[in-house]
Every structure is written in C-alpha cells, then in structure tokens.
Amino acid sequence: KTASGGDTVEAGIRPEHFIIGARDDAIAIDVDVVEPTGSETHVYGSIGYDTVRAVFRDRLQVKPGDRLPVSVDPRNIHLFDKATGLPL
C-alpha cells in the first residue's frame, strides 16, 4: 500500500536499530537519560520534537546533555499512515 500525495506518514524505528556514528546521514539524539543495564545501554532523549529510546549492545561514554550522532539502515525504517496508524 502507498500513501497518496497529500497523506502524512510517520516513521517507526525499533530502539535496537539505531547505529552510533557521525556518518553523512547521521541525525542527533539530544540525550536526557542514560541507563546502563549490564549488557546494554538504553539512551532516552529526543530528535527534534520526537521522544526516542535507543538501545545499544555496548557501554557508551555518553551523558545527559550530550548529542549522540546516530543513523538507521533504511531497511529498518517502517512507515505508517499518520491518520490511520496503518503500515504502508
């Protein structure tokens, strides 16, 4: 299914699909909370006006107030019709 020209879409990204790194396509998470949980690090923050949670399998040297550059493999971005919530 595809959205028509006037439809608004929303992107969905699973927390474990964020990749750390300052690549050309990187965006930044403004970090609010860092929660190390043993084998993972959970990072809570925002990208623009959107709240995000990212999960990494590494210990990170990041703290609240930092900007963490991340990217996402385009195959791991899921699109939804914003009006209905249905996947496209």
N, C-alpha and C. Protein backbone atom coordinates (compact mmCIF):
# COMPACT_ATOMS: atom_id res chain seq x y z
N LYS A 1 0.85 -1.18 0.00
CA LYS A 1 0.00 0.00 0.00
C LYS A 1 0.89 1.24 0.00
N THR A 2 0.49 2.28 -0.69
CA THR A 2 1.25 3.52 -0.72
C THR A 2 0.36 4.67 -0.29
N ALA A 3 1.00 5.71 0.20
CA ALA A 3 0.27 6.91 0.59
C ALA A 3 0.07 7.79 -0.62
N SER A 4 -1.07 8.45 -0.70
CA SER A 4 -1.29 9.38 -1.81
C SER A 4 -0.53 10.67 -1.54
N GLY A 5 -0.47 11.53 -2.53
CA GLY A 5 0.35 12.73 -2.45
C GLY A 5 0.10 13.61 -1.25
N GLY A 6 -1.13 13.68 -0.74
CA GLY A 6 -1.43 14.57 0.38
C GLY A 6 -1.36 13.91 1.74
N ASP A 7 -1.11 12.59 1.78
CA ASP A 7 -1.08 11.88 3.06
C ASP A 7 0.18 12.22 3.86
N THR A 8 0.05 12.18 5.17
CA THR A 8 1.18 12.37 6.06
C THR A 8 1.61 11.02 6.58
N VAL A 9 2.90 10.74 6.53
CA VAL A 9 3.41 9.47 7.01
C VAL A 9 4.26 9.69 8.25
N GLU A 10 4.37 8.64 9.05
CA GLU A 10 5.17 8.66 10.26
C GLU A 10 6.17 7.52 10.18
N ALA A 11 7.40 7.78 10.59
CA ALA A 11 8.44 6.74 10.57
C ALA A 11 8.53 6.07 11.93
N GLY A 12 8.67 4.75 11.91
CA GLY A 12 8.86 3.98 13.13
C GLY A 12 10.20 3.27 13.07
N ILE A 13 10.96 3.39 14.15
CA ILE A 13 12.28 2.77 14.23
C ILE A 13 12.37 2.03 15.56
N ARG A 14 12.73 0.76 15.51
CA ARG A 14 12.90 -0.01 16.75
C ARG A 14 14.14 0.51 17.49
N PRO A 15 14.09 0.54 18.83
CA PRO A 15 15.21 1.08 19.61
C PRO A 15 16.56 0.44 19.30
N GLU A 16 16.56 -0.85 18.98
CA GLU A 16 17.83 -1.55 18.73
C GLU A 16 18.38 -1.32 17.32
N HIS A 17 17.66 -0.59 16.47
CA HIS A 17 18.11 -0.36 15.10
C HIS A 17 18.89 0.93 14.90
N PHE A 18 19.09 1.71 15.95
CA PHE A 18 19.94 2.89 15.83
C PHE A 18 21.40 2.46 15.80
N ILE A 19 22.20 3.13 14.96
CA ILE A 19 23.63 2.85 14.81
C ILE A 19 24.38 4.11 15.20
N ILE A 20 25.36 3.98 16.09
CA ILE A 20 26.14 5.14 16.52
C ILE A 20 27.15 5.49 15.44
N GLY A 21 27.31 6.78 15.20
CA GLY A 21 28.35 7.21 14.27
C GLY A 21 27.99 8.48 13.55
N ALA A 22 29.00 9.28 13.27
CA ALA A 22 28.80 10.56 12.59
C ALA A 22 28.97 10.36 11.09
N ARG A 23 28.02 9.65 10.48
CA ARG A 23 28.05 9.45 9.03
C ARG A 23 27.36 10.61 8.34
N ASP A 24 27.41 10.63 7.02
CA ASP A 24 26.77 11.70 6.26
C ASP A 24 25.28 11.79 6.55
N ASP A 25 24.64 10.63 6.80
CA ASP A 25 23.19 10.62 7.02
C ASP A 25 22.83 10.62 8.51
N ALA A 26 23.79 10.95 9.37
CA ALA A 26 23.55 10.91 10.82
C ALA A 26 22.59 12.01 11.26
N ILE A 27 21.80 11.67 12.28
CA ILE A 27 20.96 12.62 12.99
C ILE A 27 21.43 12.57 14.44
N ALA A 28 21.00 13.48 15.28
CA ALA A 28 21.50 13.51 16.65
C ALA A 28 20.37 13.31 17.65
N ILE A 29 20.63 12.44 18.62
CA ILE A 29 19.73 12.30 19.77
C ILE A 29 20.22 13.27 20.83
N ASP A 30 19.35 14.16 21.29
CA ASP A 30 19.66 15.01 22.44
C ASP A 30 19.37 14.16 23.67
N VAL A 31 20.42 13.75 24.36
CA VAL A 31 20.33 12.76 25.43
C VAL A 31 19.77 13.37 26.71
N ASP A 32 18.75 12.71 27.27
CA ASP A 32 18.16 13.09 28.55
C ASP A 32 18.57 12.13 29.66
N VAL A 33 18.52 10.81 29.37
CA VAL A 33 18.80 9.79 30.38
C VAL A 33 19.64 8.69 29.74
N VAL A 34 20.63 8.20 30.49
CA VAL A 34 21.43 7.05 30.06
C VAL A 34 21.28 5.98 31.12
N GLU A 35 20.86 4.78 30.71
CA GLU A 35 20.62 3.69 31.64
C GLU A 35 21.42 2.45 31.24
N PRO A 36 22.61 2.25 31.86
CA PRO A 36 23.34 1.02 31.60
C PRO A 36 22.65 -0.14 32.30
N THR A 37 22.43 -1.25 31.58
CA THR A 37 21.69 -2.38 32.16
C THR A 37 22.48 -3.67 32.05
N GLY A 38 23.76 -3.61 32.23
CA GLY A 38 24.59 -4.81 32.10
C GLY A 38 25.11 -4.95 30.69
N SER A 39 24.43 -5.74 29.86
CA SER A 39 24.92 -5.98 28.51
C SER A 39 24.46 -4.92 27.51
N GLU A 40 23.58 -4.01 27.93
CA GLU A 40 23.05 -2.99 27.03
C GLU A 40 23.10 -1.62 27.69
N THR A 41 23.02 -0.60 26.84
CA THR A 41 22.85 0.77 27.32
C THR A 41 21.61 1.33 26.65
N HIS A 42 20.68 1.82 27.46
CA HIS A 42 19.46 2.44 26.96
C HIS A 42 19.66 3.95 27.02
N VAL A 43 19.39 4.62 25.92
CA VAL A 43 19.53 6.07 25.83
C VAL A 43 18.15 6.64 25.54
N TYR A 44 17.71 7.56 26.37
CA TYR A 44 16.42 8.23 26.21
C TYR A 44 16.69 9.69 25.89
N GLY A 45 15.96 10.22 24.93
CA GLY A 45 16.16 11.61 24.57
C GLY A 45 15.19 12.03 23.49
N SER A 46 15.64 12.97 22.66
CA SER A 46 14.76 13.46 21.60
C SER A 46 15.55 13.72 20.33
N ILE A 47 14.82 13.61 19.23
CA ILE A 47 15.31 14.02 17.93
C ILE A 47 14.29 15.04 17.46
N GLY A 48 14.69 16.29 17.47
CA GLY A 48 13.72 17.36 17.19
C GLY A 48 12.66 17.36 18.26
N TYR A 49 11.39 17.25 17.86
CA TYR A 49 10.28 17.25 18.81
C TYR A 49 9.84 15.85 19.20
N ASP A 50 10.50 14.84 18.66
CA ASP A 50 10.09 13.45 18.92
C ASP A 50 10.93 12.82 20.03
N THR A 51 10.27 12.16 20.97
CA THR A 51 10.95 11.43 22.03
C THR A 51 11.38 10.08 21.49
N VAL A 52 12.61 9.67 21.81
CA VAL A 52 13.14 8.39 21.32
C VAL A 52 13.82 7.62 22.44
N ARG A 53 13.87 6.31 22.23
CA ARG A 53 14.68 5.42 23.08
C ARG A 53 15.53 4.61 22.12
N ALA A 54 16.82 4.56 22.41
CA ALA A 54 17.74 3.77 21.60
C ALA A 54 18.43 2.77 22.52
N VAL A 55 18.65 1.56 22.01
CA VAL A 55 19.30 0.51 22.79
C VAL A 55 20.56 0.07 22.05
N PHE A 56 21.67 0.07 22.77
CA PHE A 56 22.96 -0.32 22.20
C PHE A 56 23.54 -1.48 22.99
N ARG A 57 24.22 -2.37 22.33
CA ARG A 57 24.83 -3.54 22.97
C ARG A 57 26.20 -3.22 23.55
N ASP A 58 26.54 -1.96 23.64
CA ASP A 58 27.84 -1.53 24.14
C ASP A 58 27.69 -0.60 25.33
N ARG A 59 28.76 -0.48 26.10
CA ARG A 59 28.83 0.57 27.13
C ARG A 59 29.20 1.85 26.41
N LEU A 60 28.47 2.92 26.66
CA LEU A 60 28.73 4.18 25.98
C LEU A 60 29.26 5.22 26.94
N GLN A 61 30.12 6.06 26.44
CA GLN A 61 30.60 7.20 27.21
C GLN A 61 29.76 8.41 26.81
N VAL A 62 28.50 8.36 27.19
CA VAL A 62 27.56 9.43 26.88
C VAL A 62 26.82 9.79 28.16
N LYS A 63 26.44 11.06 28.28
CA LYS A 63 25.76 11.51 29.49
C LYS A 63 24.65 12.49 29.12
N PRO A 64 23.71 12.72 30.04
CA PRO A 64 22.64 13.68 29.76
C PRO A 64 23.22 15.02 29.32
N GLY A 65 22.59 15.60 28.30
CA GLY A 65 23.06 16.86 27.75
C GLY A 65 23.89 16.68 26.49
N ASP A 66 24.41 15.46 26.27
CA ASP A 66 25.20 15.19 25.06
C ASP A 66 24.28 15.08 23.85
N ARG A 67 24.88 15.26 22.68
CA ARG A 67 24.20 14.99 21.40
C ARG A 67 24.89 13.76 20.81
N LEU A 68 24.14 12.68 20.67
CA LEU A 68 24.67 11.41 20.20
C LEU A 68 24.32 11.23 18.72
N PRO A 69 25.34 11.25 17.82
CA PRO A 69 25.04 11.05 16.40
C PRO A 69 24.67 9.59 16.13
N VAL A 70 23.56 9.41 15.43
CA VAL A 70 23.08 8.06 15.09
C VAL A 70 22.56 8.06 13.66
N SER A 71 22.46 6.88 13.10
CA SER A 71 21.81 6.69 11.81
C SER A 71 21.02 5.40 11.89
N VAL A 72 20.27 5.12 10.83
CA VAL A 72 19.44 3.92 10.76
C VAL A 72 19.53 3.37 9.35
N ASP A 73 19.73 2.07 9.23
CA ASP A 73 19.69 1.44 7.93
C ASP A 73 18.28 1.66 7.38
N PRO A 74 18.15 2.20 6.17
CA PRO A 74 16.81 2.47 5.62
C PRO A 74 15.88 1.26 5.61
N ARG A 75 16.44 0.05 5.54
CA ARG A 75 15.60 -1.15 5.56
C ARG A 75 14.92 -1.34 6.91
N ASN A 76 15.41 -0.64 7.95
CA ASN A 76 14.83 -0.76 9.30
C ASN A 76 13.92 0.40 9.67
N ILE A 77 13.52 1.20 8.68
CA ILE A 77 12.58 2.29 8.92
C ILE A 77 11.22 1.83 8.42
N HIS A 78 10.25 1.84 9.31
CA HIS A 78 8.89 1.39 8.99
C HIS A 78 8.00 2.62 8.86
N LEU A 79 7.24 2.70 7.77
CA LEU A 79 6.37 3.85 7.53
C LEU A 79 4.91 3.52 7.81
N PHE A 80 4.23 4.49 8.41
CA PHE A 80 2.83 4.33 8.79
C PHE A 80 2.03 5.53 8.29
N ASP A 81 0.79 5.31 7.94
CA ASP A 81 -0.13 6.39 7.62
C ASP A 81 -0.45 7.09 8.93
N LYS A 82 -0.12 8.36 9.04
CA LYS A 82 -0.30 9.08 10.31
C LYS A 82 -1.77 9.17 10.72
N ALA A 83 -2.66 9.26 9.75
CA ALA A 83 -4.08 9.40 10.08
C ALA A 83 -4.68 8.11 10.62
N THR A 84 -4.28 6.97 10.07
CA THR A 84 -4.88 5.70 10.47
C THR A 84 -3.99 4.85 11.36
N GLY A 85 -2.68 5.11 11.33
CA GLY A 85 -1.74 4.28 12.08
C GLY A 85 -1.39 2.97 11.38
N LEU A 86 -1.95 2.76 10.20
CA LEU A 86 -1.70 1.52 9.48
C LEU A 86 -0.37 1.56 8.74
N PRO A 87 0.33 0.43 8.68
CA PRO A 87 1.61 0.39 7.96
C PRO A 87 1.39 0.59 6.47
N LEU A 88 2.40 1.20 5.85
CA LEU A 88 2.34 1.40 4.39
C LEU A 88 3.15 0.31 3.70
